[in-house]
Amino acid sequence: MPKPIRLFVHAVDRLNLWVGRFAMALFFVLAGVLLTSTLSRLFFGAPVNWALEMSQFILSAYYLLGGAYTLQRDGHVRMDLFWSRMTPQRRAGIDAFTALFVVFYLVVMLWGGVSSTSYAITYGQKNYSAWAPLLWPVKTVMTIGICLMLLQFIANFFRDIAAARGKTI
């Protein structure tokens, strides 16, 4: 593979490694929010009206930012009907082919994410609830997560093309 492609693959892997480890820490933030809500209701008899939505936002960031890391570590679920019987080169070829469909899907999702985030920023979109938080921060994180997933799929595509040819990146 040409050097710019190898540099791209390594840069995307490093970025998603860092972001994935950050996303892992969000689990502890989520636990803190839920614990605060529980303790507030238990000891003060006053539920925290922002805890449910904040936990949903944190969980969304957790799985969208961690998605590219999971893809990088080959942690997504796959149907192993014929997979285990194939050679590594054939697996890589099939992965490269199917990645094209996923990349198309992620491009459409990214387009919608950018549009939705732009709308939320322009019009100050808020959630319809008692807390009524602004939605642009969570939509921005979602769009970034989709973008990182797209970059990781492209990097994996290049890696699969190299593996199908009997080489590694």
Protein backbone atom coordinates (compact mmCIF):
# COMPACT_ATOMS: atom_id res chain seq x y z
CA MET A 1 0.00 0.00 0.00
CA PRO A 2 1.21 3.53 -0.71
CA LYS A 3 2.68 5.46 2.18
CA PRO A 4 -0.15 8.08 2.42
CA ILE A 5 -2.69 5.29 2.86
CA ARG A 6 -0.57 3.63 5.55
CA LEU A 7 -0.20 6.98 7.34
CA PHE A 8 -3.98 7.53 7.13
CA VAL A 9 -4.71 4.09 8.58
CA HIS A 10 -2.26 4.58 11.45
CA ALA A 11 -3.54 8.11 12.19
CA VAL A 12 -7.18 6.96 12.28
CA ASP A 13 -6.24 4.02 14.51
CA ARG A 14 -4.42 6.30 16.96
CA LEU A 15 -7.28 8.81 17.02
CA ASN A 16 -9.93 6.15 17.61
CA LEU A 17 -7.81 4.48 20.28
CA TRP A 18 -7.66 7.77 22.20
CA VAL A 19 -11.36 8.57 21.68
CA GLY A 20 -12.37 5.00 22.58
CA ARG A 21 -10.49 5.16 25.86
CA PHE A 22 -12.15 8.51 26.60
CA ALA A 23 -15.52 6.91 25.86
CA MET A 24 -14.75 4.17 28.37
CA ALA A 25 -14.43 6.85 31.07
CA LEU A 26 -17.92 8.11 30.22
CA PHE A 27 -19.30 4.97 31.83
CA PHE A 28 -18.10 6.28 35.21
CA VAL A 29 -19.70 9.66 34.53
CA LEU A 30 -22.93 7.84 33.72
CA ALA A 31 -22.69 5.89 36.98
CA GLY A 32 -22.15 9.17 38.86
CA VAL A 33 -25.25 10.76 37.33
CA LEU A 34 -27.40 7.74 38.14
CA LEU A 35 -25.99 7.51 41.66
CA THR A 36 -26.69 11.23 42.23
CA SER A 37 -30.25 10.74 41.08
CA THR A 38 -30.77 7.72 43.30
CA LEU A 39 -29.24 9.34 46.39
CA SER A 40 -31.22 12.54 45.85
CA ARG A 41 -34.47 10.63 45.64
CA LEU A 42 -33.59 8.32 48.53
CA PHE A 43 -32.28 10.84 51.07
CA PHE A 44 -34.02 14.08 50.10
CA GLY A 45 -37.19 12.74 48.53
CA ALA A 46 -36.58 15.01 45.56
CA PRO A 47 -35.99 13.43 42.15
CA VAL A 48 -33.45 15.10 39.92
CA ASN A 49 -35.31 16.11 36.76
CA TRP A 50 -32.21 16.21 34.57
CA ALA A 51 -30.75 12.78 35.45
CA LEU A 52 -32.74 10.65 32.99
CA GLU A 53 -31.99 12.84 29.98
CA MET A 54 -28.36 13.36 30.99
CA SER A 55 -27.88 9.61 31.33
CA GLN A 56 -29.40 9.09 27.88
CA PHE A 57 -27.05 11.72 26.41
CA ILE A 58 -24.00 10.19 28.11
CA LEU A 59 -24.97 6.69 26.98
CA SER A 60 -25.40 7.95 23.40
CA ALA A 61 -21.93 9.50 23.51
CA TYR A 62 -20.57 6.30 25.06
CA TYR A 63 -21.71 3.98 22.30
CA LEU A 64 -21.25 6.36 19.37
CA LEU A 65 -17.75 7.45 20.37
CA GLY A 66 -16.85 3.87 21.33
CA GLY A 67 -18.20 2.39 18.09
CA ALA A 68 -15.11 3.17 16.05
CA TYR A 69 -12.86 1.80 18.81
CA THR A 70 -14.93 -1.41 18.90
CA LEU A 71 -14.66 -1.67 15.11
CA GLN A 72 -10.91 -1.14 15.31
CA ARG A 73 -10.60 -3.94 17.89
CA ASP A 74 -12.86 -6.22 15.80
CA GLY A 75 -15.38 -6.40 18.61
CA HIS A 76 -18.58 -6.13 16.61
CA VAL A 77 -20.77 -9.20 16.29
CA ARG A 78 -20.58 -11.16 13.07
CA MET A 79 -22.51 -14.10 11.74
CA ASP A 80 -20.14 -17.04 11.75
CA LEU A 81 -22.06 -19.32 9.45
CA PHE A 82 -19.34 -19.65 6.80
CA TRP A 83 -16.75 -17.25 8.20
CA SER A 84 -14.65 -19.72 10.18
CA ARG A 85 -14.15 -21.93 7.10
CA MET A 86 -12.70 -19.16 4.92
CA THR A 87 -9.08 -18.26 4.46
CA PRO A 88 -7.92 -14.95 5.94
CA GLN A 89 -7.47 -13.50 2.44
CA ARG A 90 -11.04 -14.41 1.45
CA ARG A 91 -12.38 -12.94 4.70
CA ALA A 92 -10.54 -9.71 3.99
CA GLY A 93 -11.95 -9.59 0.46
CA ILE A 94 -15.50 -10.06 1.70
CA ASP A 95 -14.96 -7.45 4.44
CA ALA A 96 -13.66 -4.98 1.85
CA PHE A 97 -16.72 -5.58 -0.34
CA THR A 98 -19.27 -5.27 2.46
CA ALA A 99 -17.49 -2.19 3.85
CA LEU A 100 -18.57 -0.30 0.74
CA PHE A 101 -22.22 -0.70 1.77
CA VAL A 102 -21.53 0.34 5.34
CA VAL A 103 -19.55 3.37 4.16
CA PHE A 104 -22.52 4.43 2.02
CA TYR A 105 -24.81 4.05 5.04
CA LEU A 106 -22.44 6.05 7.27
CA VAL A 107 -22.12 8.82 4.67
CA VAL A 108 -25.92 9.15 4.62
CA MET A 109 -25.97 9.12 8.44
CA LEU A 110 -23.21 11.75 8.57
CA TRP A 111 -25.08 13.95 6.12
CA GLY A 112 -28.20 13.73 8.29
CA GLY A 113 -26.16 14.29 11.45
CA VAL A 114 -24.53 17.44 10.09
CA SER A 115 -27.91 18.73 8.93
CA SER A 116 -29.55 18.01 12.28
CA THR A 117 -26.67 19.52 14.25
CA SER A 118 -26.69 22.62 12.08
CA TYR A 119 -30.43 23.02 12.68
CA ALA A 120 -29.99 22.59 16.44
CA ILE A 121 -27.26 25.23 16.56
CA THR A 122 -29.03 27.72 14.29
CA TYR A 123 -32.39 27.59 16.04
CA GLY A 124 -31.26 26.80 19.59
CA GLN A 125 -33.25 23.55 19.57
CA LYS A 126 -34.22 22.31 23.02
CA ASN A 127 -35.67 19.03 24.19
CA TYR A 128 -39.35 19.05 25.16
CA SER A 129 -39.06 18.23 28.85
CA ALA A 130 -39.05 19.92 32.25
CA TRP A 131 -35.27 20.32 32.06
CA ALA A 132 -35.32 21.46 28.40
CA PRO A 133 -31.60 21.08 27.59
CA LEU A 134 -30.09 22.39 24.39
CA LEU A 135 -29.66 19.56 21.91
CA TRP A 136 -26.69 20.82 19.90
CA PRO A 137 -24.04 19.35 22.27
CA VAL A 138 -25.37 15.80 22.06
CA LYS A 139 -26.03 16.09 18.32
CA THR A 140 -22.48 17.33 17.81
CA VAL A 141 -21.07 14.36 19.73
CA MET A 142 -23.28 12.00 17.72
CA THR A 143 -22.06 13.49 14.44
CA ILE A 144 -18.44 13.22 15.58
CA GLY A 145 -19.03 9.56 16.52
CA ILE A 146 -20.50 8.81 13.09
CA CYS A 147 -17.57 10.58 11.42
CA LEU A 148 -15.05 8.56 13.47
CA MET A 149 -16.87 5.35 12.57
CA LEU A 150 -16.74 6.31 8.89
CA LEU A 151 -13.01 7.03 9.10
CA GLN A 152 -12.41 3.69 10.84
CA PHE A 153 -14.39 1.81 8.18
CA ILE A 154 -12.32 3.48 5.47
CA ALA A 155 -9.11 2.58 7.32
CA ASN A 156 -10.34 -1.00 7.73
CA PHE A 157 -11.24 -1.07 4.02
CA PHE A 158 -7.64 -0.22 3.12
CA ARG A 159 -6.38 -2.78 5.63
CA ASP A 160 -8.70 -5.45 4.14
CA ILE A 161 -7.59 -4.64 0.59
CA ALA A 162 -3.98 -5.09 1.68
CA ALA A 163 -4.81 -8.36 3.49
CA ALA A 164 -6.71 -9.68 0.47
CA ARG A 165 -3.55 -9.09 -1.55
CA GLY A 166 -1.50 -10.95 1.08
CA LYS A 167 0.06 -7.86 2.68
CA THR A 168 -0.37 -6.02 5.97
CA ILE A 169 -0.59 -2.40 7.00
